[in-house]
Amino acid sequence: MNRVERVRAGETAAIARMISRIERRSDGVADELAELHRAGGHAHIIGVTGAAGSGKSTLVAELTAHYRRAGRTVGVLAVDPSSVFTGGAILGDRIRMSALSGDTGVFIRSIATRGALGGLSRATLDAITVLDAAGKDVVVLETVGVGQAEVDVISAAQTVAVVSVPGMGDDVQAIKAGLLEIADVHVLNKADRDGAQKAYAELRDMLRLGRGSQGDWEVPIQRTVAATGEGVEELAGRFDAHRGWMSRSGELDRRLKRTAATRIRWMAEEIVLDRLRAGQPEFDREVDRVAELTTDPLHAARRLLGESAQLDVMGAS
């Protein structure tokens, strides 16, 4: 079997090698991804985001264990901050999930952000394609943290869970600022702590204020204690209910198209940026002309992009 066939057969080593090839942008990997893309479309892709210290990794581990007990295969992609020295993933989440590593029905991988806006890189989306084509029933994407840029998780996930904890203080404001509207399920983790009822009431009130942004899906709040597994089975049920609603309402198709549009844009941006790098004669020539004031950046950019149409950026003519 070739590499693509081995991935589609669910071979763990083949999946790992394919993701490594993606991260290195090895020769031929684009054609392999094209084959894998056509073989996918079956996995439920769940994004889990939240503040540092909210217990996301423990929650994902418990959720994965629940899915395995139910006979479902799982892929976990933990998006780590890039190492400032190597650009690779720090691997903290893989260490915390090591108890699952011996299960052949689970694949766990850390993916470096590599400075990508929103915390997601092209490699992350391509890795989802690989796990989907490999037959994983559920792919869980755990993102770096919480913040305005983290809404990029909606570009990859079909169901988004935002995790918070009692006593989070100013982090509630971060949820109000950027994440309330993207959550399909709110998870109040560490719900055995003091202040859990107050935190629940705050989330409930915020959801009431934002009601209507999710159509006829009533965004639930699920209390969990990931350290003991409490509430995890119910959380999995919430995710399944959301996927069922998406299928019935047509929302799933809309989200798949949104993801496709995002991936096309990101790929186009990458192709363009590859053409606009120092060391390429055409680019360096335009740099010199702009620096010498014999042309302007807009006209230089249009020439580099091979555009012969009338300039339409910023009203140029």
C-alpha atoms as a PDB file:
ATOM      1  CA  MET A   1       0.000   0.000   0.000  1.00  0.00           C
ATOM      2  CA  ASN A   2       1.114   3.575  -0.613  1.00  0.00           C
ATOM      3  CA  ARG A   3       1.117   6.302   2.046  1.00  0.00           C
ATOM      4  CA  VAL A   4      -2.435   7.458   1.378  1.00  0.00           C
ATOM      5  CA  GLU A   5      -3.802   3.919   1.510  1.00  0.00           C
ATOM      6  CA  ARG A   6      -2.062   3.287   4.821  1.00  0.00           C
ATOM      7  CA  VAL A   7      -3.549   6.463   6.285  1.00  0.00           C
ATOM      8  CA  ARG A   8      -7.012   5.490   5.076  1.00  0.00           C
ATOM      9  CA  ALA A   9      -6.531   2.078   6.674  1.00  0.00           C
ATOM     10  CA  GLY A  10      -6.034   3.879   9.984  1.00  0.00           C
ATOM     11  CA  GLU A  11      -2.411   2.870  10.548  1.00  0.00           C
ATOM     12  CA  THR A  12      -1.124   4.996  13.428  1.00  0.00           C
ATOM     13  CA  ALA A  13       2.446   5.196  12.132  1.00  0.00           C
ATOM     14  CA  ALA A  14       1.236   6.220   8.665  1.00  0.00           C
ATOM     15  CA  ILE A  15      -0.975   8.961  10.136  1.00  0.00           C
ATOM     16  CA  ALA A  16       1.945  10.302  12.176  1.00  0.00           C
ATOM     17  CA  ARG A  17       4.284  10.285   9.183  1.00  0.00           C
ATOM     18  CA  MET A  18       1.723  12.033   6.988  1.00  0.00           C
ATOM     19  CA  ILE A  19       1.260  14.854   9.516  1.00  0.00           C
ATOM     20  CA  SER A  20       5.051  15.184   9.759  1.00  0.00           C
ATOM     21  CA  ARG A  21       5.218  15.446   5.970  1.00  0.00           C
ATOM     22  CA  ILE A  22       2.573  18.157   6.118  1.00  0.00           C
ATOM     23  CA  GLU A  23       4.516  20.144   8.708  1.00  0.00           C
ATOM     24  CA  ARG A  24       7.709  19.832   6.621  1.00  0.00           C
ATOM     25  CA  ARG A  25       5.788  20.516   3.368  1.00  0.00           C
ATOM     26  CA  SER A  26       7.492  17.527   1.816  1.00  0.00           C
ATOM     27  CA  ASP A  27       7.466  16.971  -1.932  1.00  0.00           C
ATOM     28  CA  GLY A  28       4.264  15.310  -3.112  1.00  0.00           C
ATOM     29  CA  VAL A  29       2.311  15.943   0.079  1.00  0.00           C
ATOM     30  CA  ALA A  30      -0.117  18.321  -1.655  1.00  0.00           C
ATOM     31  CA  ASP A  31      -1.250  15.550  -4.025  1.00  0.00           C
ATOM     32  CA  GLU A  32      -1.585  13.136  -1.110  1.00  0.00           C
ATOM     33  CA  LEU A  33      -3.706  15.652   0.783  1.00  0.00           C
ATOM     34  CA  ALA A  34      -5.933  16.067  -2.243  1.00  0.00           C
ATOM     35  CA  GLU A  35      -6.628  12.316  -2.195  1.00  0.00           C
ATOM     36  CA  LEU A  36      -7.256  12.340   1.546  1.00  0.00           C
ATOM     37  CA  HIS A  37      -9.576  15.332   1.268  1.00  0.00           C
ATOM     38  CA  ARG A  38     -11.825  13.426  -1.121  1.00  0.00           C
ATOM     39  CA  ALA A  39     -11.921  10.482   1.299  1.00  0.00           C
ATOM     40  CA  GLY A  40     -13.091  12.504   4.309  1.00  0.00           C
ATOM     41  CA  GLY A  41     -16.280  14.168   5.439  1.00  0.00           C
ATOM     42  CA  HIS A  42     -17.329  11.726   8.153  1.00  0.00           C
ATOM     43  CA  ALA A  43     -15.736  12.896  11.430  1.00  0.00           C
ATOM     44  CA  HIS A  44     -17.409  15.166  13.974  1.00  0.00           C
ATOM     45  CA  ILE A  45     -14.857  17.940  14.506  1.00  0.00           C
ATOM     46  CA  ILE A  46     -15.061  19.471  17.969  1.00  0.00           C
ATOM     47  CA  GLY A  47     -13.095  22.570  18.967  1.00  0.00           C
ATOM     48  CA  VAL A  48     -12.279  23.075  22.642  1.00  0.00           C
ATOM     49  CA  THR A  49     -10.968  26.462  23.729  1.00  0.00           C
ATOM     50  CA  GLY A  50     -10.749  28.338  27.001  1.00  0.00           C
ATOM     51  CA  ALA A  51      -8.512  30.184  29.405  1.00  0.00           C
ATOM     52  CA  ALA A  52      -5.198  28.775  30.554  1.00  0.00           C
ATOM     53  CA  GLY A  53      -5.752  26.679  33.669  1.00  0.00           C
ATOM     54  CA  SER A  54      -9.356  25.870  32.857  1.00  0.00           C
ATOM     55  CA  GLY A  55      -8.571  22.164  32.615  1.00  0.00           C
ATOM     56  CA  LYS A  56      -8.992  21.768  28.858  1.00  0.00           C
ATOM     57  CA  SER A  57      -6.452  18.977  28.520  1.00  0.00           C
ATOM     58  CA  THR A  58      -7.906  16.953  31.387  1.00  0.00           C
ATOM     59  CA  LEU A  59     -11.375  17.489  29.970  1.00  0.00           C
ATOM     60  CA  VAL A  60     -10.284  16.359  26.488  1.00  0.00           C
ATOM     61  CA  ALA A  61      -8.620  13.278  27.963  1.00  0.00           C
ATOM     62  CA  GLU A  62     -11.773  12.329  29.871  1.00  0.00           C
ATOM     63  CA  LEU A  63     -13.945  13.034  26.836  1.00  0.00           C
ATOM     64  CA  THR A  64     -11.703  10.840  24.699  1.00  0.00           C
ATOM     65  CA  ALA A  65     -11.889   8.019  27.240  1.00  0.00           C
ATOM     66  CA  HIS A  66     -15.680   8.289  27.201  1.00  0.00           C
ATOM     67  CA  TYR A  67     -15.811   8.061  23.401  1.00  0.00           C
ATOM     68  CA  ARG A  68     -13.547   5.017  23.457  1.00  0.00           C
ATOM     69  CA  ARG A  69     -15.793   3.250  25.978  1.00  0.00           C
ATOM     70  CA  ALA A  70     -18.631   3.922  23.548  1.00  0.00           C
ATOM     71  CA  GLY A  71     -16.641   2.294  20.741  1.00  0.00           C
ATOM     72  CA  ARG A  72     -15.831   5.493  18.843  1.00  0.00           C
ATOM     73  CA  THR A  73     -12.361   6.264  17.498  1.00  0.00           C
ATOM     74  CA  VAL A  74     -10.812   9.631  18.310  1.00  0.00           C
ATOM     75  CA  GLY A  75      -8.132  11.944  16.974  1.00  0.00           C
ATOM     76  CA  VAL A  76      -6.831  14.688  19.257  1.00  0.00           C
ATOM     77  CA  LEU A  77      -4.924  17.691  17.932  1.00  0.00           C
ATOM     78  CA  ALA A  78      -3.491  19.841  20.701  1.00  0.00           C
ATOM     79  CA  VAL A  79      -2.495  23.216  19.273  1.00  0.00           C
ATOM     80  CA  ASP A  80       0.573  24.316  21.229  1.00  0.00           C
ATOM     81  CA  PRO A  81       2.391  27.651  21.272  1.00  0.00           C
ATOM     82  CA  SER A  82       5.393  27.388  18.965  1.00  0.00           C
ATOM     83  CA  SER A  83       8.753  26.983  20.611  1.00  0.00           C
ATOM     84  CA  VAL A  84      10.707  30.223  20.287  1.00  0.00           C
ATOM     85  CA  PHE A  85      13.792  28.145  19.500  1.00  0.00           C
ATOM     86  CA  THR A  86      12.571  25.497  17.054  1.00  0.00           C
ATOM     87  CA  GLY A  87       9.117  26.571  15.883  1.00  0.00           C
ATOM     88  CA  GLY A  88       7.853  23.172  17.010  1.00  0.00           C
ATOM     89  CA  ALA A  89       5.155  22.324  19.494  1.00  0.00           C
ATOM     90  CA  ILE A  90       6.032  22.357  23.193  1.00  0.00           C
ATOM     91  CA  LEU A  91       4.181  19.043  23.612  1.00  0.00           C
ATOM     92  CA  GLY A  92       2.739  19.757  27.050  1.00  0.00           C
ATOM     93  CA  ASP A  93      -0.708  18.469  26.141  1.00  0.00           C
ATOM     94  CA  ARG A  94       0.663  15.190  24.775  1.00  0.00           C
ATOM     95  CA  ILE A  95       2.442  14.626  28.074  1.00  0.00           C
ATOM     96  CA  ARG A  96      -0.771  15.222  30.028  1.00  0.00           C
ATOM     97  CA  MET A  97      -2.697  12.828  27.750  1.00  0.00           C
ATOM     98  CA  SER A  98      -0.072  10.090  27.831  1.00  0.00           C
ATOM     99  CA  ALA A  99      -2.448   7.685  29.612  1.00  0.00           C
ATOM    100  CA  LEU A 100      -4.339   7.348  26.313  1.00  0.00           C
ATOM    101  CA  SER A 101      -1.285   6.719  24.163  1.00  0.00           C
ATOM    102  CA  GLY A 102      -1.488   2.921  24.263  1.00  0.00           C
ATOM    103  CA  ASP A 103      -4.980   2.820  22.748  1.00  0.00           C
ATOM    104  CA  THR A 104      -4.870   2.139  19.001  1.00  0.00           C
ATOM    105  CA  GLY A 105      -8.284   3.774  18.664  1.00  0.00           C
ATOM    106  CA  VAL A 106      -6.827   7.120  19.740  1.00  0.00           C
ATOM    107  CA  PHE A 107      -4.359   9.298  17.885  1.00  0.00           C
ATOM    108  CA  ILE A 108      -2.861  12.283  19.741  1.00  0.00           C
ATOM    109  CA  ARG A 109      -0.657  14.911  18.177  1.00  0.00           C
ATOM    110  CA  SER A 110       0.563  18.370  19.120  1.00  0.00           C
ATOM    111  CA  ILE A 111       0.605  20.929  16.321  1.00  0.00           C
ATOM    112  CA  ALA A 112       2.658  24.106  16.547  1.00  0.00           C
ATOM    113  CA  THR A 113       0.909  27.412  15.913  1.00  0.00           C
ATOM    114  CA  ARG A 114       4.049  28.748  14.197  1.00  0.00           C
ATOM    115  CA  GLY A 115       2.806  32.250  14.919  1.00  0.00           C
ATOM    116  CA  ALA A 116      -0.401  31.828  12.932  1.00  0.00           C
ATOM    117  CA  LEU A 117      -3.088  34.393  13.692  1.00  0.00           C
ATOM    118  CA  GLY A 118      -5.892  32.901  15.734  1.00  0.00           C
ATOM    119  CA  GLY A 119      -3.669  30.119  16.966  1.00  0.00           C
ATOM    120  CA  LEU A 120      -4.269  27.854  13.988  1.00  0.00           C
ATOM    121  CA  SER A 121      -1.829  27.057  11.228  1.00  0.00           C
ATOM    122  CA  ARG A 122      -2.413  25.537   7.823  1.00  0.00           C
ATOM    123  CA  ALA A 123      -0.882  22.320   9.195  1.00  0.00           C
ATOM    124  CA  THR A 124      -3.670  22.120  11.779  1.00  0.00           C
ATOM    125  CA  LEU A 125      -6.400  22.118   9.151  1.00  0.00           C
ATOM    126  CA  ASP A 126      -4.496  19.639   7.001  1.00  0.00           C
ATOM    127  CA  ALA A 127      -4.010  17.346  10.014  1.00  0.00           C
ATOM    128  CA  ILE A 128      -7.792  17.350  10.525  1.00  0.00           C
ATOM    129  CA  THR A 129      -8.124  16.216   6.901  1.00  0.00           C
ATOM    130  CA  VAL A 130      -5.732  13.335   7.605  1.00  0.00           C
ATOM    131  CA  LEU A 131      -7.564  12.165  10.733  1.00  0.00           C
ATOM    132  CA  ASP A 132     -10.935  12.429   9.012  1.00  0.00           C
ATOM    133  CA  ALA A 133      -9.738  10.358   6.055  1.00  0.00           C
ATOM    134  CA  ALA A 134      -8.203   7.859   8.495  1.00  0.00           C
ATOM    135  CA  GLY A 135     -11.712   7.068   9.713  1.00  0.00           C
ATOM    136  CA  LYS A 136     -11.699   8.764  13.110  1.00  0.00           C
ATOM    137  CA  ASP A 137     -15.265   9.190  14.340  1.00  0.00           C
ATOM    138  CA  VAL A 138     -14.417  12.288  16.372  1.00  0.00           C
ATOM    139  CA  VAL A 139     -11.586  14.784  15.964  1.00  0.00           C
ATOM    140  CA  VAL A 140     -11.004  17.039  18.979  1.00  0.00           C
ATOM    141  CA  LEU A 141      -9.092  20.256  18.392  1.00  0.00           C
ATOM    142  CA  GLU A 142      -7.779  21.815  21.594  1.00  0.00           C
ATOM    143  CA  THR A 143      -6.577  25.377  21.061  1.00  0.00           C
ATOM    144  CA  VAL A 144      -3.894  27.353  22.848  1.00  0.00           C
ATOM    145  CA  GLY A 145      -6.047  29.540  25.039  1.00  0.00           C
ATOM    146  CA  VAL A 146      -8.659  32.233  24.989  1.00  0.00           C
ATOM    147  CA  GLY A 147      -8.742  35.647  23.379  1.00  0.00           C
ATOM    148  CA  GLN A 148     -10.116  37.646  20.499  1.00  0.00           C
ATOM    149  CA  ALA A 149      -7.909  35.885  17.947  1.00  0.00           C
ATOM    150  CA  GLU A 150      -8.928  32.421  19.145  1.00  0.00           C
ATOM    151  CA  VAL A 151     -12.214  32.694  17.275  1.00  0.00           C
ATOM    152  CA  ASP A 152     -10.238  31.186  14.402  1.00  0.00           C
ATOM    153  CA  VAL A 153     -11.249  27.828  15.866  1.00  0.00           C
ATOM    154  CA  ILE A 154     -14.582  28.218  14.073  1.00  0.00           C
ATOM    155  CA  SER A 155     -12.700  27.928  10.798  1.00  0.00           C
ATOM    156  CA  ALA A 156     -11.968  24.304  11.586  1.00  0.00           C
ATOM    157  CA  ALA A 157     -14.527  22.967  14.055  1.00  0.00           C
ATOM    158  CA  GLN A 158     -18.156  22.036  13.500  1.00  0.00           C
ATOM    159  CA  THR A 159     -18.979  22.229  17.213  1.00  0.00           C
ATOM    160  CA  VAL A 160     -17.182  24.701  19.490  1.00  0.00           C
ATOM    161  CA  ALA A 161     -16.954  24.311  23.265  1.00  0.00           C
ATOM    162  CA  VAL A 162     -15.727  27.241  25.366  1.00  0.00           C
ATOM    163  CA  VAL A 163     -14.373  26.146  28.755  1.00  0.00           C
ATOM    164  CA  SER A 164     -14.426  28.394  31.808  1.00  0.00           C
ATOM    165  CA  VAL A 165     -13.952  27.851  35.546  1.00  0.00           C
ATOM    166  CA  PRO A 166     -15.294  29.440  38.720  1.00  0.00           C
ATOM    167  CA  GLY A 167     -13.311  32.404  39.976  1.00  0.00           C
ATOM    168  CA  MET A 168     -11.965  33.312  36.536  1.00  0.00           C
ATOM    169  CA  GLY A 169     -12.460  37.029  37.192  1.00  0.00           C
ATOM    170  CA  ASP A 170     -11.383  39.171  34.265  1.00  0.00           C
ATOM    171  CA  ASP A 171     -11.501  36.159  31.941  1.00  0.00           C
ATOM    172  CA  VAL A 172     -15.295  36.512  31.952  1.00  0.00           C
ATOM    173  CA  GLN A 173     -14.739  39.812  30.163  1.00  0.00           C
ATOM    174  CA  ALA A 174     -12.663  38.001  27.534  1.00  0.00           C
ATOM    175  CA  ILE A 175     -15.577  35.672  26.912  1.00  0.00           C
ATOM    176  CA  LYS A 176     -17.915  38.651  26.585  1.00  0.00           C
ATOM    177  CA  ALA A 177     -15.492  40.354  24.215  1.00  0.00           C
ATOM    178  CA  GLY A 178     -14.839  37.591  21.749  1.00  0.00           C
ATOM    179  CA  LEU A 179     -16.000  34.068  22.478  1.00  0.00           C
ATOM    180  CA  LEU A 180     -19.603  34.199  23.641  1.00  0.00           C
ATOM    181  CA  GLU A 181     -20.941  34.241  20.111  1.00  0.00           C
ATOM    182  CA  ILE A 182     -18.845  31.325  18.833  1.00  0.00           C
ATOM    183  CA  ALA A 183     -19.707  28.847  21.586  1.00  0.00           C
ATOM    184  CA  ASP A 184     -22.106  26.053  20.713  1.00  0.00           C
ATOM    185  CA  VAL A 185     -21.671  24.638  24.202  1.00  0.00           C
ATOM    186  CA  HIS A 186     -20.368  26.409  27.305  1.00  0.00           C
ATOM    187  CA  VAL A 187     -18.480  24.157  29.711  1.00  0.00           C
ATOM    188  CA  LEU A 188     -18.174  25.220  33.331  1.00  0.00           C
ATOM    189  CA  ASN A 189     -15.321  23.001  34.452  1.00  0.00           C
ATOM    190  CA  LYS A 190     -14.118  22.483  38.025  1.00  0.00           C
ATOM    191  CA  ALA A 191     -17.762  22.918  38.986  1.00  0.00           C
ATOM    192  CA  ASP A 192     -17.077  21.532  42.475  1.00  0.00           C
ATOM    193  CA  ARG A 193     -15.198  24.702  43.410  1.00  0.00           C
ATOM    194  CA  ASP A 194     -16.535  27.522  45.520  1.00  0.00           C
ATOM    195  CA  GLY A 195     -18.226  30.106  43.367  1.00  0.00           C
ATOM    196  CA  ALA A 196     -19.457  27.608  40.796  1.00  0.00           C
ATOM    197  CA  GLN A 197     -23.081  28.679  41.140  1.00  0.00           C
ATOM    198  CA  LYS A 198     -22.135  32.344  40.724  1.00  0.00           C
ATOM    199  CA  ALA A 199     -20.092  31.546  37.606  1.00  0.00           C
ATOM    200  CA  TYR A 200     -23.001  29.528  36.220  1.00  0.00           C
ATOM    201  CA  ALA A 201     -25.376  32.434  36.790  1.00  0.00           C
ATOM    202  CA  GLU A 202     -22.976  34.862  35.057  1.00  0.00           C
ATOM    203  CA  LEU A 203     -22.716  32.606  32.008  1.00  0.00           C
ATOM    204  CA  ARG A 204     -26.485  32.113  31.948  1.00  0.00           C
ATOM    205  CA  ASP A 205     -27.063  35.872  32.057  1.00  0.00           C
ATOM    206  CA  MET A 206     -24.566  36.492  29.256  1.00  0.00           C
ATOM    207  CA  LEU A 207     -26.254  33.851  27.109  1.00  0.00           C
ATOM    208  CA  ARG A 208     -29.609  35.495  27.682  1.00  0.00           C
ATOM    209  CA  LEU A 209     -28.210  38.813  26.487  1.00  0.00           C
ATOM    210  CA  GLY A 210     -26.751  37.171  23.386  1.00  0.00           C
ATOM    211  CA  ARG A 211     -29.733  34.959  22.609  1.00  0.00           C
ATOM    212  CA  GLY A 212     -30.637  34.705  18.952  1.00  0.00           C
ATOM    213  CA  SER A 213     -27.077  34.656  17.560  1.00  0.00           C
ATOM    214  CA  GLN A 214     -27.164  30.877  17.194  1.00  0.00           C
ATOM    215  CA  GLY A 215     -30.529  30.608  15.448  1.00  0.00           C
ATOM    216  CA  ASP A 216     -32.777  28.023  17.046  1.00  0.00           C
ATOM    217  CA  TRP A 217     -29.936  26.211  18.816  1.00  0.00           C
ATOM    218  CA  GLU A 218     -30.179  26.947  22.527  1.00  0.00           C
ATOM    219  CA  VAL A 219     -26.587  27.151  23.702  1.00  0.00           C
ATOM    220  CA  PRO A 220     -26.330  24.997  26.849  1.00  0.00           C
ATOM    221  CA  ILE A 221     -24.063  25.309  29.867  1.00  0.00           C
ATOM    222  CA  GLN A 222     -22.639  21.951  30.946  1.00  0.00           C
ATOM    223  CA  ARG A 223     -21.038  21.638  34.371  1.00  0.00           C
ATOM    224  CA  THR A 224     -18.107  19.242  34.580  1.00  0.00           C
ATOM    225  CA  VAL A 225     -15.401  18.130  36.970  1.00  0.00           C
ATOM    226  CA  ALA A 226     -12.873  16.786  34.509  1.00  0.00           C
ATOM    227  CA  ALA A 227     -10.580  15.474  37.230  1.00  0.00           C
ATOM    228  CA  THR A 228     -13.241  12.947  38.275  1.00  0.00           C
ATOM    229  CA  GLY A 229     -15.093  12.610  34.972  1.00  0.00           C
ATOM    230  CA  GLU A 230     -18.269  14.136  36.376  1.00  0.00           C
ATOM    231  CA  GLY A 231     -20.468  15.605  33.655  1.00  0.00           C
ATOM    232  CA  VAL A 232     -18.271  14.351  30.785  1.00  0.00           C
ATOM    233  CA  GLU A 233     -20.830  11.823  29.510  1.00  0.00           C
ATOM    234  CA  GLU A 234     -23.472  14.557  29.519  1.00  0.00           C
ATOM    235  CA  LEU A 235     -21.071  16.863  27.665  1.00  0.00           C
ATOM    236  CA  ALA A 236     -20.581  14.254  24.937  1.00  0.00           C
ATOM    237  CA  GLY A 237     -24.365  14.074  24.692  1.00  0.00           C
ATOM    238  CA  ARG A 238     -24.512  17.845  24.204  1.00  0.00           C
ATOM    239  CA  PHE A 239     -22.031  17.570  21.337  1.00  0.00           C
ATOM    240  CA  ASP A 240     -24.038  14.789  19.688  1.00  0.00           C
ATOM    241  CA  ALA A 241     -27.238  16.808  20.091  1.00  0.00           C
ATOM    242  CA  HIS A 242     -25.589  19.788  18.417  1.00  0.00           C
ATOM    243  CA  ARG A 243     -24.407  17.704  15.488  1.00  0.00           C
ATOM    244  CA  GLY A 244     -27.905  16.293  15.111  1.00  0.00           C
ATOM    245  CA  TRP A 245     -29.387  19.787  15.094  1.00  0.00           C
ATOM    246  CA  MET A 246     -26.863  20.929  12.485  1.00  0.00           C
ATOM    247  CA  SER A 247     -27.746  18.019  10.209  1.00  0.00           C
ATOM    248  CA  ARG A 248     -31.482  18.659  10.518  1.00  0.00           C
ATOM    249  CA  SER A 249     -31.314  22.439  10.138  1.00  0.00           C
ATOM    250  CA  GLY A 250     -28.815  22.685   7.296  1.00  0.00           C
ATOM    251  CA  GLU A 251     -26.295  24.394   9.565  1.00  0.00           C
ATOM    252  CA  LEU A 252     -23.757  21.588   9.062  1.00  0.00           C
ATOM    253  CA  ASP A 253     -23.642  22.255   5.324  1.00  0.00           C
ATOM    254  CA  ARG A 254     -23.239  25.977   5.976  1.00  0.00           C
ATOM    255  CA  ARG A 255     -20.332  25.372   8.345  1.00  0.00           C
ATOM    256  CA  LEU A 256     -18.643  22.970   5.939  1.00  0.00           C
ATOM    257  CA  LYS A 257     -18.811  25.652   3.245  1.00  0.00           C
ATOM    258  CA  ARG A 258     -17.447  28.239   5.684  1.00  0.00           C
ATOM    259  CA  THR A 259     -14.489  25.987   6.436  1.00  0.00           C
ATOM    260  CA  ALA A 260     -13.909  25.345   2.733  1.00  0.00           C
ATOM    261  CA  ALA A 261     -13.941  29.079   1.999  1.00  0.00           C
ATOM    262  CA  THR A 262     -11.476  29.750   4.807  1.00  0.00           C
ATOM    263  CA  ARG A 263      -9.109  27.062   3.618  1.00  0.00           C
ATOM    264  CA  ILE A 264      -9.178  28.354   0.040  1.00  0.00           C
ATOM    265  CA  ARG A 265      -8.412  31.885   1.249  1.00  0.00           C
ATOM    266  CA  TRP A 266      -5.581  30.719   3.498  1.00  0.00           C
ATOM    267  CA  MET A 267      -4.083  28.646   0.694  1.00  0.00           C
ATOM    268  CA  ALA A 268      -4.317  31.550  -1.743  1.00  0.00           C
ATOM    269  CA  GLU A 269      -2.647  33.856   0.780  1.00  0.00           C
ATOM    270  CA  GLU A 270       0.170  31.359   1.263  1.00  0.00           C
ATOM    271  CA  ILE A 271       0.719  31.005  -2.487  1.00  0.00           C
ATOM    272  CA  VAL A 272       0.859  34.776  -2.856  1.00  0.00           C
ATOM    273  CA  LEU A 273       3.223  35.212   0.090  1.00  0.00           C
ATOM    274  CA  ASP A 274       5.548  32.569  -1.345  1.00  0.00           C
ATOM    275  CA  ARG A 275       5.772  34.694  -4.499  1.00  0.00           C
ATOM    276  CA  LEU A 276       6.500  37.850  -2.520  1.00  0.00           C
ATOM    277  CA  ARG A 277       9.674  36.893  -0.725  1.00  0.00           C
ATOM    278  CA  ALA A 278      13.059  38.564  -0.774  1.00  0.00           C
ATOM    279  CA  GLY A 279      15.522  36.851  -3.069  1.00  0.00           C
ATOM    280  CA  GLN A 280      13.141  36.493  -5.983  1.00  0.00           C
ATOM    281  CA  PRO A 281      14.358  38.758  -8.825  1.00  0.00           C
ATOM    282  CA  GLU A 282      10.944  40.217  -9.659  1.00  0.00           C
ATOM    283  CA  PHE A 283      10.207  41.016  -6.025  1.00  0.00           C
ATOM    284  CA  ASP A 284      13.629  42.523  -5.364  1.00  0.00           C
ATOM    285  CA  ARG A 285      13.317  44.648  -8.503  1.00  0.00           C
ATOM    286  CA  GLU A 286      10.001  46.100  -7.326  1.00  0.00           C
ATOM    287  CA  VAL A 287      11.453  46.700  -3.857  1.00  0.00           C
ATOM    288  CA  ASP A 288      14.222  48.774  -5.427  1.00  0.00           C
ATOM    289  CA  ARG A 289      11.749  50.763  -7.534  1.00  0.00           C
ATOM    290  CA  VAL A 290       9.537  51.567  -4.529  1.00  0.00           C
ATOM    291  CA  ALA A 291      12.570  52.536  -2.429  1.00  0.00           C
ATOM    292  CA  GLU A 292      13.806  54.779  -5.246  1.00  0.00           C
ATOM    293  CA  LEU A 293      10.328  56.388  -5.494  1.00  0.00           C
ATOM    294  CA  THR A 294       9.972  55.485  -9.174  1.00  0.00           C
ATOM    295  CA  THR A 295       6.792  53.555  -8.392  1.00  0.00           C
ATOM    296  CA  ASP A 296       4.430  53.053  -5.458  1.00  0.00           C
ATOM    297  CA  PRO A 297       3.695  49.913  -3.398  1.00  0.00           C
ATOM    298  CA  LEU A 298       0.222  49.368  -4.832  1.00  0.00           C
ATOM    299  CA  HIS A 299       1.312  49.371  -8.477  1.00  0.00           C
ATOM    300  CA  ALA A 300       4.328  47.219  -7.598  1.00  0.00           C
ATOM    301  CA  ALA A 301       2.116  44.673  -5.868  1.00  0.00           C
ATOM    302  CA  ARG A 302      -0.286  44.522  -8.783  1.00  0.00           C
ATOM    303  CA  ARG A 303       2.561  43.924 -11.218  1.00  0.00           C
ATOM    304  CA  LEU A 304       3.927  41.115  -9.035  1.00  0.00           C
ATOM    305  CA  LEU A 305       0.512  39.491  -8.947  1.00  0.00           C
ATOM    306  CA  GLY A 306       0.296  39.678 -12.714  1.00  0.00           C
ATOM    307  CA  GLU A 307      -2.852  41.779 -12.624  1.00  0.00           C
ATOM    308  CA  SER A 308      -3.605  43.628 -15.842  1.00  0.00           C
ATOM    309  CA  ALA A 309      -7.106  44.730 -14.811  1.00  0.00           C
ATOM    310  CA  GLN A 310      -7.858  48.243 -13.694  1.00  0.00           C
ATOM    311  CA  LEU A 311      -6.561  48.976 -10.209  1.00  0.00           C
ATOM    312  CA  ASP A 312      -9.420  48.837  -7.758  1.00  0.00           C
ATOM    313  CA  VAL A 313      -7.703  48.940  -4.382  1.00  0.00           C
ATOM    314  CA  MET A 314      -8.235  52.125  -2.368  1.00  0.00           C
ATOM    315  CA  GLY A 315      -9.898  53.718  -5.371  1.00  0.00           C
ATOM    316  CA  ALA A 316      -6.728  53.582  -7.489  1.00  0.00           C
ATOM    317  CA  SER A 317      -6.991  53.964 -11.257  1.00  0.00           C
END
